[in-house]
Amino acid sequence: MDDIMQPNYYTTYLKAYLTAAGYPRKDDDAFIEDRAELASAEYEERRRDGMTVFGAQECAMKVLLKGLEC
């Protein structure tokens, strides 16, 4: 698939989000990488299911930020 989101995108996004929000786990690379991989897998699964890029991205972001929302 041409539009697969790589974990790097989610890693970068989550690091910036945690830093901006002042979360204590902002430097926890294992936590961030695990979340990024889960989000990437969610995106890929949703796209394979036929969801639009926007819809799949929205689902992936929910996985990435689950439990971290302010």
PDB file of N, CA and C in Angstrom:
ATOM      1  N   MET A   1       0.845  -1.185   0.000  1.00  0.00           N
ATOM      2  CA  MET A   1       0.000   0.000   0.000  1.00  0.00           C
ATOM      3  C   MET A   1       0.891   1.249   0.000  1.00  0.00           C
ATOM      4  N   ASP A   2       0.545   2.222  -0.802  1.00  0.00           N
ATOM      5  CA  ASP A   2       1.364   3.414  -0.947  1.00  0.00           C
ATOM      6  C   ASP A   2       1.259   4.378   0.217  1.00  0.00           C
ATOM      7  N   ASP A   3       0.175   4.348   0.938  1.00  0.00           N
ATOM      8  CA  ASP A   3      -0.059   5.370   1.952  1.00  0.00           C
ATOM      9  C   ASP A   3       0.119   4.857   3.388  1.00  0.00           C
ATOM     10  N   ILE A   4       0.922   3.837   3.582  1.00  0.00           N
ATOM     11  CA  ILE A   4       1.150   3.292   4.921  1.00  0.00           C
ATOM     12  C   ILE A   4       1.891   4.334   5.759  1.00  0.00           C
ATOM     13  N   MET A   5       1.367   4.583   6.950  1.00  0.00           N
ATOM     14  CA  MET A   5       2.004   5.528   7.862  1.00  0.00           C
ATOM     15  C   MET A   5       3.085   4.779   8.638  1.00  0.00           C
ATOM     16  N   GLN A   6       4.254   5.297   8.638  1.00  0.00           N
ATOM     17  CA  GLN A   6       5.365   4.670   9.330  1.00  0.00           C
ATOM     18  C   GLN A   6       5.353   5.037  10.811  1.00  0.00           C
ATOM     19  N   PRO A   7       5.854   4.144  11.672  1.00  0.00           N
ATOM     20  CA  PRO A   7       5.922   4.468  13.099  1.00  0.00           C
ATOM     21  C   PRO A   7       6.657   5.771  13.382  1.00  0.00           C
ATOM     22  N   ASN A   8       7.607   6.160  12.511  1.00  0.00           N
ATOM     23  CA  ASN A   8       8.338   7.408  12.728  1.00  0.00           C
ATOM     24  C   ASN A   8       7.409   8.612  12.823  1.00  0.00           C
ATOM     25  N   TYR A   9       6.374   8.647  12.011  1.00  0.00           N
ATOM     26  CA  TYR A   9       5.410   9.748  12.056  1.00  0.00           C
ATOM     27  C   TYR A   9       4.773   9.808  13.437  1.00  0.00           C
ATOM     28  N   TYR A  10       4.316   8.674  13.901  1.00  0.00           N
ATOM     29  CA  TYR A  10       3.652   8.623  15.193  1.00  0.00           C
ATOM     30  C   TYR A  10       4.624   8.868  16.340  1.00  0.00           C
ATOM     31  N   THR A  11       5.842   8.405  16.202  1.00  0.00           N
ATOM     32  CA  THR A  11       6.868   8.659  17.218  1.00  0.00           C
ATOM     33  C   THR A  11       7.108  10.153  17.355  1.00  0.00           C
ATOM     34  N   THR A  12       7.316  10.813  16.237  1.00  0.00           N
ATOM     35  CA  THR A  12       7.565  12.254  16.244  1.00  0.00           C
ATOM     36  C   THR A  12       6.378  13.011  16.826  1.00  0.00           C
ATOM     37  N   TYR A  13       5.179  12.639  16.401  1.00  0.00           N
ATOM     38  CA  TYR A  13       3.977  13.312  16.887  1.00  0.00           C
ATOM     39  C   TYR A  13       3.826  13.125  18.394  1.00  0.00           C
ATOM     40  N   LEU A  14       3.976  11.882  18.867  1.00  0.00           N
ATOM     41  CA  LEU A  14       3.769  11.607  20.282  1.00  0.00           C
ATOM     42  C   LEU A  14       4.826  12.290  21.146  1.00  0.00           C
ATOM     43  N   LYS A  15       6.081  12.285  20.703  1.00  0.00           N
ATOM     44  CA  LYS A  15       7.124  12.985  21.468  1.00  0.00           C
ATOM     45  C   LYS A  15       6.788  14.464  21.607  1.00  0.00           C
ATOM     46  N   ALA A  16       6.374  15.083  20.521  1.00  0.00           N
ATOM     47  CA  ALA A  16       6.026  16.508  20.559  1.00  0.00           C
ATOM     48  C   ALA A  16       4.820  16.745  21.462  1.00  0.00           C
ATOM     49  N   TYR A  17       3.833  15.879  21.382  1.00  0.00           N
ATOM     50  CA  TYR A  17       2.624  16.005  22.195  1.00  0.00           C
ATOM     51  C   TYR A  17       2.962  15.881  23.681  1.00  0.00           C
ATOM     52  N   LEU A  18       3.722  14.858  24.041  1.00  0.00           N
ATOM     53  CA  LEU A  18       4.072  14.639  25.445  1.00  0.00           C
ATOM     54  C   LEU A  18       4.935  15.773  25.991  1.00  0.00           C
ATOM     55  N   THR A  19       5.833  16.277  25.180  1.00  0.00           N
ATOM     56  CA  THR A  19       6.697  17.382  25.597  1.00  0.00           C
ATOM     57  C   THR A  19       5.876  18.648  25.813  1.00  0.00           C
ATOM     58  N   ALA A  20       5.019  18.969  24.853  1.00  0.00           N
ATOM     59  CA  ALA A  20       4.197  20.175  24.965  1.00  0.00           C
ATOM     60  C   ALA A  20       3.259  20.115  26.166  1.00  0.00           C
ATOM     61  N   ALA A  21       2.758  18.918  26.461  1.00  0.00           N
ATOM     62  CA  ALA A  21       1.813  18.757  27.566  1.00  0.00           C
ATOM     63  C   ALA A  21       2.513  18.557  28.915  1.00  0.00           C
ATOM     64  N   GLY A  22       3.832  18.406  28.893  1.00  0.00           N
ATOM     65  CA  GLY A  22       4.588  18.234  30.125  1.00  0.00           C
ATOM     66  C   GLY A  22       4.421  16.876  30.792  1.00  0.00           C
ATOM     67  N   TYR A  23       4.100  15.853  29.993  1.00  0.00           N
ATOM     68  CA  TYR A  23       3.938  14.506  30.538  1.00  0.00           C
ATOM     69  C   TYR A  23       5.278  13.944  31.009  1.00  0.00           C
ATOM     70  N   PRO A  24       5.292  13.261  32.148  1.00  0.00           N
ATOM     71  CA  PRO A  24       6.539  12.700  32.667  1.00  0.00           C
ATOM     72  C   PRO A  24       7.156  11.639  31.752  1.00  0.00           C
ATOM     73  N   ARG A  25       6.366  10.999  30.900  1.00  0.00           N
ATOM     74  CA  ARG A  25       6.894   9.934  30.034  1.00  0.00           C
ATOM     75  C   ARG A  25       7.416  10.463  28.705  1.00  0.00           C
ATOM     76  N   LYS A  26       7.632  11.766  28.615  1.00  0.00           N
ATOM     77  CA  LYS A  26       8.078  12.370  27.360  1.00  0.00           C
ATOM     78  C   LYS A  26       9.439  11.863  26.897  1.00  0.00           C
ATOM     79  N   ASP A  27      10.230  11.315  27.809  1.00  0.00           N
ATOM     80  CA  ASP A  27      11.552  10.779  27.467  1.00  0.00           C
ATOM     81  C   ASP A  27      11.592   9.255  27.510  1.00  0.00           C
ATOM     82  N   ASP A  28      10.448   8.614  27.663  1.00  0.00           N
ATOM     83  CA  ASP A  28      10.355   7.151  27.736  1.00  0.00           C
ATOM     84  C   ASP A  28      10.256   6.589  26.313  1.00  0.00           C
ATOM     85  N   ASP A  29      11.419   6.350  25.714  1.00  0.00           N
ATOM     86  CA  ASP A  29      11.468   5.927  24.312  1.00  0.00           C
ATOM     87  C   ASP A  29      10.740   4.609  24.059  1.00  0.00           C
ATOM     88  N   ALA A  30      10.820   3.667  24.979  1.00  0.00           N
ATOM     89  CA  ALA A  30      10.143   2.380  24.792  1.00  0.00           C
ATOM     90  C   ALA A  30       8.623   2.583  24.753  1.00  0.00           C
ATOM     91  N   PHE A  31       8.107   3.397  25.663  1.00  0.00           N
ATOM     92  CA  PHE A  31       6.680   3.703  25.701  1.00  0.00           C
ATOM     93  C   PHE A  31       6.239   4.364  24.396  1.00  0.00           C
ATOM     94  N   ILE A  32       7.004   5.329  23.945  1.00  0.00           N
ATOM     95  CA  ILE A  32       6.680   6.073  22.732  1.00  0.00           C
ATOM     96  C   ILE A  32       6.727   5.158  21.507  1.00  0.00           C
ATOM     97  N   GLU A  33       7.759   4.336  21.408  1.00  0.00           N
ATOM     98  CA  GLU A  33       7.879   3.420  20.264  1.00  0.00           C
ATOM     99  C   GLU A  33       6.763   2.390  20.251  1.00  0.00           C
ATOM    100  N   ASP A  34       6.407   1.867  21.418  1.00  0.00           N
ATOM    101  CA  ASP A  34       5.307   0.904  21.496  1.00  0.00           C
ATOM    102  C   ASP A  34       4.008   1.526  21.005  1.00  0.00           C
ATOM    103  N   ARG A  35       3.728   2.730  21.483  1.00  0.00           N
ATOM    104  CA  ARG A  35       2.509   3.428  21.053  1.00  0.00           C
ATOM    105  C   ARG A  35       2.542   3.708  19.556  1.00  0.00           C
ATOM    106  N   ALA A  36       3.694   4.120  19.043  1.00  0.00           N
ATOM    107  CA  ALA A  36       3.825   4.425  17.620  1.00  0.00           C
ATOM    108  C   ALA A  36       3.577   3.177  16.769  1.00  0.00           C
ATOM    109  N   GLU A  37       4.097   2.055  17.199  1.00  0.00           N
ATOM    110  CA  GLU A  37       3.902   0.814  16.459  1.00  0.00           C
ATOM    111  C   GLU A  37       2.430   0.390  16.478  1.00  0.00           C
ATOM    112  N   LEU A  38       1.779   0.538  17.624  1.00  0.00           N
ATOM    113  CA  LEU A  38       0.346   0.217  17.715  1.00  0.00           C
ATOM    114  C   LEU A  38      -0.480   1.117  16.794  1.00  0.00           C
ATOM    115  N   ALA A  39      -0.149   2.394  16.781  1.00  0.00           N
ATOM    116  CA  ALA A  39      -0.874   3.341  15.926  1.00  0.00           C
ATOM    117  C   ALA A  39      -0.658   3.021  14.451  1.00  0.00           C
ATOM    118  N   SER A  40       0.557   2.698  14.092  1.00  0.00           N
ATOM    119  CA  SER A  40       0.862   2.354  12.709  1.00  0.00           C
ATOM    120  C   SER A  40       0.111   1.095  12.282  1.00  0.00           C
ATOM    121  N   ALA A  41       0.080   0.101  13.156  1.00  0.00           N
ATOM    122  CA  ALA A  41      -0.649  -1.137  12.859  1.00  0.00           C
ATOM    123  C   ALA A  41      -2.148  -0.864  12.719  1.00  0.00           C
ATOM    124  N   GLU A  42      -2.675   0.003  13.559  1.00  0.00           N
ATOM    125  CA  GLU A  42      -4.091   0.364  13.474  1.00  0.00           C
ATOM    126  C   GLU A  42      -4.390   1.025  12.132  1.00  0.00           C
ATOM    127  N   TYR A  43      -3.533   1.956  11.735  1.00  0.00           N
ATOM    128  CA  TYR A  43      -3.707   2.641  10.459  1.00  0.00           C
ATOM    129  C   TYR A  43      -3.733   1.632   9.304  1.00  0.00           C
ATOM    130  N   GLU A  44      -2.746   0.757   9.283  1.00  0.00           N
ATOM    131  CA  GLU A  44      -2.644  -0.224   8.205  1.00  0.00           C
ATOM    132  C   GLU A  44      -3.862  -1.144   8.171  1.00  0.00           C
ATOM    133  N   GLU A  45      -4.303  -1.589   9.329  1.00  0.00           N
ATOM    134  CA  GLU A  45      -5.465  -2.473   9.393  1.00  0.00           C
ATOM    135  C   GLU A  45      -6.722  -1.772   8.875  1.00  0.00           C
ATOM    136  N   ARG A  46      -6.923  -0.543   9.287  1.00  0.00           N
ATOM    137  CA  ARG A  46      -8.106   0.208   8.843  1.00  0.00           C
ATOM    138  C   ARG A  46      -8.076   0.453   7.335  1.00  0.00           C
ATOM    139  N   ARG A  47      -6.901   0.725   6.794  1.00  0.00           N
ATOM    140  CA  ARG A  47      -6.796   0.931   5.344  1.00  0.00           C
ATOM    141  C   ARG A  47      -7.091  -0.360   4.602  1.00  0.00           C
ATOM    142  N   ARG A  48      -6.581  -1.479   5.112  1.00  0.00           N
ATOM    143  CA  ARG A  48      -6.876  -2.773   4.482  1.00  0.00           C
ATOM    144  C   ARG A  48      -8.367  -3.083   4.536  1.00  0.00           C
ATOM    145  N   ASP A  49      -9.028  -2.587   5.577  1.00  0.00           N
ATOM    146  CA  ASP A  49     -10.473  -2.781   5.706  1.00  0.00           C
ATOM    147  C   ASP A  49     -11.268  -1.867   4.772  1.00  0.00           C
ATOM    148  N   GLY A  50     -10.568  -0.976   4.059  1.00  0.00           N
ATOM    149  CA  GLY A  50     -11.229  -0.106   3.096  1.00  0.00           C
ATOM    150  C   GLY A  50     -11.542   1.291   3.604  1.00  0.00           C
ATOM    151  N   MET A  51     -11.094   1.612   4.790  1.00  0.00           N
ATOM    152  CA  MET A  51     -11.346   2.940   5.337  1.00  0.00           C
ATOM    153  C   MET A  51     -10.522   3.984   4.572  1.00  0.00           C
ATOM    154  N   THR A  52     -11.022   5.199   4.522  1.00  0.00           N
ATOM    155  CA  THR A  52     -10.284   6.283   3.872  1.00  0.00           C
ATOM    156  C   THR A  52      -9.010   6.597   4.654  1.00  0.00           C
ATOM    157  N   VAL A  53      -8.100   7.298   4.003  1.00  0.00           N
ATOM    158  CA  VAL A  53      -6.861   7.706   4.668  1.00  0.00           C
ATOM    159  C   VAL A  53      -7.189   8.537   5.902  1.00  0.00           C
ATOM    160  N   PHE A  54      -8.089   9.494   5.757  1.00  0.00           N
ATOM    161  CA  PHE A  54      -8.454  10.354   6.881  1.00  0.00           C
ATOM    162  C   PHE A  54      -9.054   9.541   8.029  1.00  0.00           C
ATOM    163  N   GLY A  55      -9.954   8.642   7.714  1.00  0.00           N
ATOM    164  CA  GLY A  55     -10.587   7.820   8.734  1.00  0.00           C
ATOM    165  C   GLY A  55      -9.589   6.919   9.437  1.00  0.00           C
ATOM    166  N   ALA A  56      -8.707   6.297   8.669  1.00  0.00           N
ATOM    167  CA  ALA A  56      -7.687   5.419   9.247  1.00  0.00           C
ATOM    168  C   ALA A  56      -6.728   6.209  10.133  1.00  0.00           C
ATOM    169  N   GLN A  57      -6.381   7.408   9.697  1.00  0.00           N
ATOM    170  CA  GLN A  57      -5.492   8.261  10.486  1.00  0.00           C
ATOM    171  C   GLN A  57      -6.163   8.654  11.804  1.00  0.00           C
ATOM    172  N   GLU A  58      -7.446   8.945  11.757  1.00  0.00           N
ATOM    173  CA  GLU A  58      -8.182   9.302  12.960  1.00  0.00           C
ATOM    174  C   GLU A  58      -8.191   8.135  13.957  1.00  0.00           C
ATOM    175  N   CYS A  59      -8.407   6.941  13.465  1.00  0.00           N
ATOM    176  CA  CYS A  59      -8.384   5.754  14.332  1.00  0.00           C
ATOM    177  C   CYS A  59      -6.996   5.541  14.933  1.00  0.00           C
ATOM    178  N   ALA A  60      -5.974   5.718  14.118  1.00  0.00           N
ATOM    179  CA  ALA A  60      -4.601   5.544  14.598  1.00  0.00           C
ATOM    180  C   ALA A  60      -4.255   6.564  15.681  1.00  0.00           C
ATOM    181  N   MET A  61      -4.705   7.791  15.497  1.00  0.00           N
ATOM    182  CA  MET A  61      -4.416   8.818  16.502  1.00  0.00           C
ATOM    183  C   MET A  61      -5.125   8.518  17.816  1.00  0.00           C
ATOM    184  N   LYS A  62      -6.298   7.925  17.750  1.00  0.00           N
ATOM    185  CA  LYS A  62      -6.999   7.519  18.975  1.00  0.00           C
ATOM    186  C   LYS A  62      -6.187   6.476  19.729  1.00  0.00           C
ATOM    187  N   VAL A  63      -5.609   5.539  18.998  1.00  0.00           N
ATOM    188  CA  VAL A  63      -4.765   4.512  19.617  1.00  0.00           C
ATOM    189  C   VAL A  63      -3.513   5.162  20.209  1.00  0.00           C
ATOM    190  N   LEU A  64      -2.906   6.054  19.453  1.00  0.00           N
ATOM    191  CA  LEU A  64      -1.670   6.710  19.888  1.00  0.00           C
ATOM    192  C   LEU A  64      -1.864   7.496  21.181  1.00  0.00           C
ATOM    193  N   LEU A  65      -2.987   8.188  21.293  1.00  0.00           N
ATOM    194  CA  LEU A  65      -3.201   9.098  22.420  1.00  0.00           C
ATOM    195  C   LEU A  65      -4.123   8.547  23.518  1.00  0.00           C
ATOM    196  N   LYS A  66      -4.520   7.285  23.393  1.00  0.00           N
ATOM    197  CA  LYS A  66      -5.448   6.695  24.372  1.00  0.00           C
ATOM    198  C   LYS A  66      -4.913   6.861  25.803  1.00  0.00           C
ATOM    199  N   GLY A  67      -5.756   7.453  26.630  1.00  0.00           N
ATOM    200  CA  GLY A  67      -5.401   7.649  28.018  1.00  0.00           C
ATOM    201  C   GLY A  67      -4.504   8.843  28.302  1.00  0.00           C
ATOM    202  N   LEU A  68      -4.120   9.561  27.264  1.00  0.00           N
ATOM    203  CA  LEU A  68      -3.219  10.710  27.431  1.00  0.00           C
ATOM    204  C   LEU A  68      -3.923  12.042  27.224  1.00  0.00           C
ATOM    205  N   GLU A  69      -5.170  11.992  26.818  1.00  0.00           N
ATOM    206  CA  GLU A  69      -5.891  13.226  26.520  1.00  0.00           C
ATOM    207  C   GLU A  69      -6.031  14.074  27.768  1.00  0.00           C
ATOM    208  N   CYS A  70      -5.971  15.363  27.564  1.00  0.00           N
ATOM    209  CA  CYS A  70      -6.111  16.302  28.686  1.00  0.00           C
ATOM    210  C   CYS A  70      -7.555  16.442  29.090  1.00  0.00           C
TER     211      CYS A  70
END
